[in-house]
Structures are given as structure tokens and as C-alpha cells.
Amino acid sequence: MNESINIYLDDLRLCPKGFVIARTYEEAVSLLENHSVNILSLDHDLGEDENGNLLKTGYDLVKYICENNCDIKKIYTYR
């Protein structure tokens, strides 16, 4: 694992200082696979694709975390 980071998963909001932004589920998974994580702040709704289909959500990321036994010190959710 590389350096420890804080991840901010949101498709719209500005990224707070001290966090690395992930705009999509896939970006968040890549960060989780390559870094240890102190804080994960995640949004539930991550928008739609060009055809109006809902994209994977923060809930999908929580399932990924549980299925892959990811070690995260703190998790914050919002909607």
C-alpha cells in the first residue's frame, strides 16, 4: 500500500482540503486498492450515465468495502 489518504466520493460537490476526490465508484475502488484510508466520506447518489441510467452509488462502494475487507478508520455518509 502507498501513503494513507482521505477519500471524498461525490459526483458534484467541491472536494474539501485534505481529501482526494473520487467522482465515480470506479475511481473510489482504484483509490481503495492502492492506498490505506483514514477517512472515507461518501455520497449516496453518484448521478446518471448519458442514457439516464443510475450509476453505482455510495451503497455499492460500501458493499465493495465489506466484500473485500477494506480497512478504513472512519466512514462518513451523506445524501
Protein backbone atom coordinates (compact mmCIF):
# COMPACT_ATOMS: atom_id res chain seq x y z
CA MET A 1 0.00 0.00 0.00
CA ASN A 2 1.06 3.54 -0.68
CA GLU A 3 0.54 6.52 1.59
CA SER A 4 -2.54 6.85 3.74
CA ILE A 5 -5.20 9.19 2.31
CA ASN A 6 -8.69 10.57 2.94
CA ILE A 7 -11.20 9.91 0.13
CA TYR A 8 -14.13 12.16 -0.73
CA LEU A 9 -16.62 10.36 -3.02
CA ASP A 10 -19.03 12.78 -4.66
CA ASP A 11 -20.04 13.48 -8.26
CA LEU A 12 -20.80 17.19 -7.78
CA ARG A 13 -19.53 18.84 -4.61
CA LEU A 14 -16.14 20.52 -4.22
CA CYS A 15 -13.50 18.41 -2.53
CA PRO A 16 -12.58 19.58 0.98
CA LYS A 17 -8.97 20.30 1.85
CA GLY A 18 -7.08 17.21 2.97
CA PHE A 19 -9.10 14.80 0.81
CA VAL A 20 -8.59 13.13 -2.57
CA ILE A 21 -11.66 13.35 -4.81
CA ALA A 22 -13.29 10.33 -6.41
CA ARG A 23 -16.13 11.30 -8.76
CA THR A 24 -17.21 7.71 -9.52
CA TYR A 25 -17.46 4.32 -7.86
CA GLU A 26 -14.65 3.08 -10.09
CA GLU A 27 -12.32 5.92 -9.08
CA ALA A 28 -13.03 5.19 -5.41
CA VAL A 29 -12.30 1.48 -5.84
CA SER A 30 -8.98 2.29 -7.52
CA LEU A 31 -8.02 4.54 -4.61
CA LEU A 32 -9.03 1.86 -2.08
CA GLU A 33 -6.95 -0.73 -3.91
CA ASN A 34 -3.84 1.45 -3.95
CA HIS A 35 -3.89 3.32 -0.62
CA SER A 36 -4.66 2.82 3.01
CA VAL A 37 -7.57 5.06 4.01
CA ASN A 38 -8.00 7.14 7.15
CA ILE A 39 -11.35 8.76 6.30
CA LEU A 40 -13.89 7.90 3.62
CA SER A 41 -16.61 10.48 3.09
CA LEU A 42 -19.19 9.22 0.65
CA ASP A 43 -22.27 10.45 -1.11
CA HIS A 44 -25.07 8.03 -1.87
CA ASP A 45 -26.21 9.29 -5.29
CA LEU A 46 -23.46 9.46 -7.91
CA GLY A 47 -25.58 10.57 -10.85
CA GLU A 48 -26.60 9.03 -14.16
CA ASP A 49 -24.86 7.96 -17.35
CA GLU A 50 -25.55 9.52 -20.75
CA ASN A 51 -28.62 7.26 -21.18
CA GLY A 52 -30.20 8.25 -17.88
CA ASN A 53 -29.26 5.03 -16.07
CA LEU A 54 -28.23 5.41 -12.45
CA LEU A 55 -24.52 4.91 -11.84
CA LYS A 56 -23.19 2.81 -8.97
CA THR A 57 -23.74 4.55 -5.65
CA GLY A 58 -22.04 5.02 -2.31
CA TYR A 59 -24.02 1.98 -1.17
CA ASP A 60 -22.32 -0.08 -3.89
CA LEU A 61 -18.98 1.11 -2.53
CA VAL A 62 -19.96 0.04 1.00
CA LYS A 63 -20.76 -3.43 -0.37
CA TYR A 64 -17.35 -3.49 -2.09
CA ILE A 65 -15.66 -2.50 1.19
CA CYS A 66 -17.42 -5.30 3.10
CA GLU A 67 -16.79 -7.94 0.43
CA ASN A 68 -13.10 -7.03 0.18
CA ASN A 69 -12.42 -6.45 3.87
CA CYS A 70 -11.08 -2.93 3.31
CA ASP A 71 -9.54 -1.31 6.37
CA ILE A 72 -10.87 2.22 6.77
CA LYS A 73 -10.57 4.06 10.07
CA LYS A 74 -13.65 6.35 9.72
CA ILE A 75 -16.57 6.47 7.29
CA TYR A 76 -18.96 9.40 6.91
CA THR A 77 -22.07 9.29 4.73
CA TYR A 78 -24.37 11.97 3.44
CA ARG A 79 -27.04 12.33 0.79
